[in-house]
């Protein structure tokens, strides 16, 4: 063993000449120096791409939630208007429309359903097809959906005699 060489052990004396102390200086290899610039840039790029993807997923979830809320309100309005029409005593054919307070619009179309001519006089009721169309604007685009049902109405006295 060479007493003056770095990285060696000298049991007797150290470089400075102190008796009984142990001098040991490890050699640093080139692989333990730390991260290179390219490794840091690659890691930051991966983190940035991951963050962008996560934020896009989050904003997509918010848009879906808002659209779901609008459709839910539209369905609520359609059910409300359909219930109002079905409970009315006098149902006449034609088209009516209006607007709700929260900018949802509705249009109702009531059409008679005609059966075969010979059967129609025998039946004690009339049938009507009721369609309700709900529409609203979102970001310059119109969203809409339609619900429909059939209502059976008892014939009036003067209609059944004809």
Protein backbone atom coordinates (compact mmCIF):
# COMPACT_ATOMS: atom_id res chain seq x y z
CA UNK A 1 0.00 0.00 0.00
CA UNK A 2 1.14 3.41 -0.87
CA UNK A 3 0.70 5.78 2.13
CA UNK A 4 0.41 8.98 0.07
CA UNK A 5 -2.09 7.71 -2.47
CA UNK A 6 -5.74 8.88 -2.29
CA UNK A 7 -8.29 6.25 -1.55
CA UNK A 8 -5.89 4.08 0.39
CA UNK A 9 -5.89 3.26 4.05
CA UNK A 10 -3.00 3.93 6.27
CA UNK A 11 -3.31 2.24 9.61
CA UNK A 12 -0.30 3.77 11.14
CA UNK A 13 -0.16 7.39 10.17
CA UNK A 14 -2.29 9.67 8.06
CA UNK A 15 -1.04 12.15 5.50
CA UNK A 16 -0.70 14.83 8.10
CA UNK A 17 1.26 12.56 10.29
CA UNK A 18 -1.14 12.00 13.14
CA UNK A 19 -0.61 8.69 14.67
CA UNK A 20 -3.60 6.31 15.06
CA UNK A 21 -6.08 8.05 12.79
CA UNK A 22 -7.49 6.48 9.71
CA UNK A 23 -7.51 8.47 6.49
CA UNK A 24 -9.89 7.33 3.78
CA UNK A 25 -11.03 9.39 0.84
CA UNK A 26 -13.36 7.59 -1.60
CA UNK A 27 -12.98 8.06 -5.32
CA UNK A 28 -16.04 9.49 -7.11
CA UNK A 29 -16.95 7.76 -10.31
CA UNK A 30 -18.44 9.62 -13.29
CA UNK A 31 -21.84 7.86 -12.96
CA UNK A 32 -22.55 9.33 -9.50
CA UNK A 33 -22.21 12.97 -10.50
CA UNK A 34 -26.05 13.55 -10.73
CA UNK A 35 -28.60 13.95 -13.50
CA UNK A 36 -27.63 15.22 -16.88
CA UNK A 37 -29.43 18.12 -18.50
CA UNK A 38 -31.14 15.87 -21.05
CA UNK A 39 -32.51 13.62 -18.27
CA UNK A 40 -33.98 16.63 -16.49
CA UNK A 41 -35.53 17.95 -19.71
CA UNK A 42 -37.10 14.56 -20.49
CA UNK A 43 -38.54 14.30 -16.96
CA UNK A 44 -40.00 17.83 -17.12
CA UNK A 45 -41.49 17.10 -20.57
CA UNK A 46 -43.19 13.94 -19.29
CA UNK A 47 -44.59 15.83 -16.31
CA UNK A 48 -45.87 18.66 -18.52
CA UNK A 49 -47.61 16.27 -20.94
CA UNK A 50 -49.19 14.39 -18.03
CA UNK A 51 -50.43 17.62 -16.48
CA UNK A 52 -52.00 18.77 -19.77
CA UNK A 53 -53.81 15.43 -20.18
CA UNK A 54 -55.14 15.55 -16.62
CA UNK A 55 -56.40 19.13 -17.06
CA UNK A 56 -58.13 18.23 -20.34
CA UNK A 57 -59.87 15.30 -18.66
CA UNK A 58 -61.00 17.58 -15.85
CA UNK A 59 -62.41 20.23 -18.21
CA UNK A 60 -64.15 17.51 -20.27
CA UNK A 61 -65.81 16.26 -17.10
CA UNK A 62 -67.03 19.77 -16.28
CA UNK A 63 -68.50 20.20 -19.78
CA UNK A 64 -70.28 16.85 -19.52
CA UNK A 65 -71.66 17.79 -16.13
CA UNK A 66 -73.03 21.09 -17.44
CA UNK A 67 -74.62 19.42 -20.48
CA UNK A 68 -76.17 16.76 -18.26
CA UNK A 69 -77.60 19.47 -16.02
CA UNK A 70 -79.16 21.24 -19.02
CA UNK A 71 -80.75 18.04 -20.33
CA UNK A 72 -82.07 17.28 -16.84
CA UNK A 73 -83.71 20.71 -16.66
CA UNK A 74 -85.12 20.22 -20.17
CA UNK A 75 -86.61 16.86 -19.18
CA UNK A 76 -88.11 18.43 -16.07
CA UNK A 77 -89.75 21.15 -18.22
CA UNK A 78 -91.03 18.58 -20.73
CA UNK A 79 -92.58 16.45 -17.99
CA UNK A 80 -94.15 19.53 -16.43
CA UNK A 81 -95.68 20.67 -19.73
CA UNK A 82 -96.81 17.14 -20.64
CA UNK A 83 -98.52 16.77 -17.26
CA UNK A 84 -100.24 20.12 -17.74
CA UNK A 85 -101.58 19.10 -21.15
CA UNK A 86 -102.64 15.61 -20.05
CA UNK A 87 -104.57 17.04 -17.10
CA UNK A 88 -106.43 19.62 -19.18
CA UNK A 89 -110.14 18.87 -19.66
CA UNK A 90 -110.44 20.24 -23.19
CA UNK A 91 -107.83 18.91 -25.57
CA UNK A 92 -108.00 20.35 -29.06
CA UNK A 93 -105.73 19.73 -31.99
CA UNK A 94 -103.24 22.37 -32.99
CA UNK A 95 -99.85 23.79 -32.12
CA UNK A 96 -98.91 25.97 -29.15
CA UNK A 97 -95.57 27.25 -28.00
CA UNK A 98 -93.97 29.28 -25.27
CA UNK A 99 -90.85 29.92 -23.23
CA UNK A 100 -89.87 29.04 -19.68
CA UNK A 101 -88.21 31.55 -17.36
CA UNK A 102 -84.74 29.99 -17.81
CA UNK A 103 -84.63 30.44 -21.64
CA UNK A 104 -85.88 26.93 -22.46
CA UNK A 105 -88.48 26.99 -25.23
CA UNK A 106 -91.32 24.53 -25.79
CA UNK A 107 -93.62 23.68 -28.65
CA UNK A 108 -96.62 21.38 -28.33
CA UNK A 109 -98.30 19.68 -31.27
CA UNK A 110 -101.61 17.85 -30.74
CA UNK A 111 -102.79 15.72 -33.65
CA UNK A 112 -105.79 13.40 -33.79
CA UNK A 113 -105.09 9.76 -34.52
CA UNK A 114 -107.52 8.47 -37.07
CA UNK A 115 -108.42 4.82 -37.21
CA UNK A 116 -110.32 3.13 -40.05
CA UNK A 117 -113.49 4.99 -41.06
CA UNK A 118 -115.90 2.21 -40.12
CA UNK A 119 -114.26 1.72 -36.72
CA UNK A 120 -114.13 5.38 -35.79
CA UNK A 121 -117.90 5.82 -35.45
CA UNK A 122 -118.21 2.79 -33.15
CA UNK A 123 -115.50 3.89 -30.73
CA UNK A 124 -116.64 5.91 -27.68
CA UNK A 125 -113.36 7.86 -27.56
CA UNK A 126 -110.95 9.92 -29.63
CA UNK A 127 -107.17 9.44 -29.61
CA UNK A 128 -104.65 12.26 -29.81
CA UNK A 129 -100.91 12.14 -30.39
CA UNK A 130 -99.18 14.77 -28.21
CA UNK A 131 -95.60 15.83 -29.03
CA UNK A 132 -93.63 18.28 -26.92
CA UNK A 133 -90.41 19.68 -28.30
CA UNK A 134 -87.98 21.35 -25.86
CA UNK A 135 -85.16 23.55 -27.23
CA UNK A 136 -82.42 25.75 -25.76
CA UNK A 137 -79.21 27.43 -26.95
CA UNK A 138 -75.73 26.45 -25.77
CA UNK A 139 -72.74 28.31 -27.15
CA UNK A 140 -74.52 29.38 -30.33
CA UNK A 141 -75.84 25.87 -31.02
CA UNK A 142 -79.40 24.78 -30.46
CA UNK A 143 -79.98 21.66 -28.37
CA UNK A 144 -83.36 19.96 -28.43
CA UNK A 145 -85.27 16.82 -27.66
CA UNK A 146 -88.83 15.62 -28.01
CA UNK A 147 -91.24 13.60 -25.90
CA UNK A 148 -94.54 12.22 -27.09
CA UNK A 149 -97.51 10.28 -25.82
CA UNK A 150 -101.05 9.30 -26.78
CA UNK A 151 -104.09 10.53 -24.88
CA UNK A 152 -107.50 8.92 -25.10
CA UNK A 153 -110.39 11.35 -24.67
CA UNK A 154 -114.03 10.47 -24.29
CA UNK A 155 -116.12 11.65 -27.23
CA UNK A 156 -118.42 14.55 -26.59
CA UNK A 157 -122.17 13.99 -26.88
CA UNK A 158 -122.52 15.92 -30.14
CA UNK A 159 -119.54 14.08 -31.75
CA UNK A 160 -120.87 10.60 -30.97
CA UNK A 161 -124.28 11.35 -32.53
CA UNK A 162 -122.80 12.49 -35.87
